[in-house]
C-alpha atoms as a PDB file:
ATOM      1  CA  MET A   1     -22.861  -5.627  -6.225  1.00  0.00           C
ATOM      2  CA  PRO A   2     -20.586  -6.412  -9.581  1.00  0.00           C
ATOM      3  CA  VAL A   3     -17.049  -5.921  -9.303  1.00  0.00           C
ATOM      4  CA  LEU A   4     -15.463  -3.926 -12.064  1.00  0.00           C
ATOM      5  CA  ASP A   5     -12.366  -5.372 -14.126  1.00  0.00           C
ATOM      6  CA  HIS A   6     -11.379  -1.892 -15.242  1.00  0.00           C
ATOM      7  CA  VAL A   7     -11.624   1.778 -14.075  1.00  0.00           C
ATOM      8  CA  GLU A   8      -9.679   4.429 -15.074  1.00  0.00           C
ATOM      9  CA  ILE A   9      -9.255   7.874 -13.299  1.00  0.00           C
ATOM     10  CA  TYR A  10     -10.486  11.066 -15.401  1.00  0.00           C
ATOM     11  CA  GLU A  11      -9.523  14.442 -14.525  1.00  0.00           C
ATOM     12  CA  VAL A  12     -12.375  16.977 -14.613  1.00  0.00           C
ATOM     13  CA  PHE A  13     -11.934  20.745 -15.904  1.00  0.00           C
ATOM     14  CA  ALA A  14     -14.594  23.473 -16.001  1.00  0.00           C
ATOM     15  CA  ARG A  15     -15.575  26.932 -16.307  1.00  0.00           C
ATOM     16  CA  ARG A  16     -18.395  29.250 -14.761  1.00  0.00           C
ATOM     17  CA  ARG A  17     -18.548  31.738 -17.928  1.00  0.00           C
ATOM     18  CA  ARG A  18     -17.144  31.450 -21.383  1.00  0.00           C
ATOM     19  CA  GLU A  19     -14.663  33.874 -21.136  1.00  0.00           C
ATOM     20  CA  GLU A  20     -12.783  32.095 -18.019  1.00  0.00           C
ATOM     21  CA  PRO A  21     -10.366  29.543 -19.280  1.00  0.00           C
ATOM     22  CA  LEU A  22     -11.057  25.963 -18.155  1.00  0.00           C
ATOM     23  CA  ARG A  23      -9.742  24.973 -14.679  1.00  0.00           C
ATOM     24  CA  HIS A  24      -8.864  21.834 -12.880  1.00  0.00           C
ATOM     25  CA  VAL A  25     -12.036  21.074 -10.443  1.00  0.00           C
ATOM     26  CA  GLY A  26     -11.193  17.350  -9.193  1.00  0.00           C
ATOM     27  CA  THR A  27     -11.281  13.697 -10.392  1.00  0.00           C
ATOM     28  CA  VAL A  28     -13.213  10.683 -10.772  1.00  0.00           C
ATOM     29  CA  THR A  29     -13.341   7.127 -10.922  1.00  0.00           C
ATOM     30  CA  ALA A  30     -14.951   5.308 -13.740  1.00  0.00           C
ATOM     31  CA  PRO A  31     -15.045   2.187 -15.951  1.00  0.00           C
ATOM     32  CA  ASN A  32     -15.612   4.470 -19.080  1.00  0.00           C
ATOM     33  CA  VAL A  33     -16.099   7.970 -20.476  1.00  0.00           C
ATOM     34  CA  GLU A  34     -19.875   7.596 -20.533  1.00  0.00           C
ATOM     35  CA  MET A  35     -19.736   7.162 -16.515  1.00  0.00           C
ATOM     36  CA  ALA A  36     -16.846   9.662 -16.283  1.00  0.00           C
ATOM     37  CA  ARG A  37     -19.391  12.214 -17.707  1.00  0.00           C
ATOM     38  CA  LEU A  38     -22.199  11.343 -15.348  1.00  0.00           C
ATOM     39  CA  TYR A  39     -19.897  11.094 -11.961  1.00  0.00           C
ATOM     40  CA  ALA A  40     -18.454  14.581 -12.797  1.00  0.00           C
ATOM     41  CA  ARG A  41     -21.948  15.918 -13.375  1.00  0.00           C
ATOM     42  CA  VAL A  42     -23.072  14.532  -9.986  1.00  0.00           C
ATOM     43  CA  ILE A  43     -19.977  15.281  -7.824  1.00  0.00           C
ATOM     44  CA  TYR A  44     -19.146  18.918  -9.082  1.00  0.00           C
ATOM     45  CA  ASP A  45     -22.522  19.906  -9.946  1.00  0.00           C
ATOM     46  CA  GLU A  46     -22.443  22.916  -7.177  1.00  0.00           C
ATOM     47  CA  ASP A  47     -21.916  25.689  -9.614  1.00  0.00           C
ATOM     48  CA  MET A  48     -23.731  26.489 -12.298  1.00  0.00           C
ATOM     49  CA  TRP A  49     -20.667  25.352 -15.198  1.00  0.00           C
ATOM     50  CA  ASP A  50     -20.813  26.924 -18.705  1.00  0.00           C
ATOM     51  CA  ALA A  51     -18.665  23.921 -19.657  1.00  0.00           C
ATOM     52  CA  MET A  52     -17.213  20.799 -18.208  1.00  0.00           C
ATOM     53  CA  VAL A  53     -14.925  17.978 -19.434  1.00  0.00           C
ATOM     54  CA  VAL A  54     -13.283  14.857 -18.549  1.00  0.00           C
ATOM     55  CA  VAL A  55      -9.920  13.766 -19.791  1.00  0.00           C
ATOM     56  CA  PRO A  56      -8.547  10.435 -19.084  1.00  0.00           C
ATOM     57  CA  ARG A  57      -5.352  10.754 -16.813  1.00  0.00           C
ATOM     58  CA  ALA A  58      -3.700   8.590 -19.763  1.00  0.00           C
ATOM     59  CA  ALA A  59      -4.181  10.923 -22.051  1.00  0.00           C
ATOM     60  CA  ILE A  60      -2.428  13.919 -20.184  1.00  0.00           C
ATOM     61  CA  ILE A  61       1.309  14.295 -21.682  1.00  0.00           C
ATOM     62  CA  PRO A  62       3.614  15.980 -19.295  1.00  0.00           C
ATOM     63  CA  VAL A  63       5.542  18.869 -19.754  1.00  0.00           C
ATOM     64  CA  GLU A  64       8.835  18.893 -18.076  1.00  0.00           C
ATOM     65  CA  PRO A  65       9.601  22.177 -15.876  1.00  0.00           C
ATOM     66  CA  ARG A  66      12.425  24.149 -17.715  1.00  0.00           C
ATOM     67  CA  TYR A  67      14.249  25.453 -14.379  1.00  0.00           C
ATOM     68  CA  GLY A  68      13.465  22.809 -11.715  1.00  0.00           C
ATOM     69  CA  GLY A  69      10.247  22.138 -10.025  1.00  0.00           C
ATOM     70  CA  SER A  70       7.975  19.076  -9.911  1.00  0.00           C
ATOM     71  CA  SER A  71       6.239  18.003 -12.839  1.00  0.00           C
ATOM     72  CA  TRP A  72       2.611  16.247 -13.483  1.00  0.00           C
ATOM     73  CA  ARG A  73       2.958  12.774 -12.653  1.00  0.00           C
ATOM     74  CA  SER A  74       0.484  11.056 -14.449  1.00  0.00           C
ATOM     75  CA  GLY A  75       0.935   7.281 -12.507  1.00  0.00           C
ATOM     76  CA  ARG A  76       2.267   5.876 -15.718  1.00  0.00           C
ATOM     77  CA  GLU A  77       5.922   5.929 -14.678  1.00  0.00           C
END
């Protein structure tokens, strides 16, 4: 089996019905976006999704909490 030089973490969001908002359903690790789509479809296919999207974790921009609490940690710190 070949060793991959680069893999990236992708966040997976989906919704069951068009009127619902997307919700976070999990993550996949893949060498590129095409494989991330495939992995997400295979791993999170337990529901009939209206929509599913993958977002590179590095593309998520955290918003600092206004009143304390924790913020999203992208792993880039």
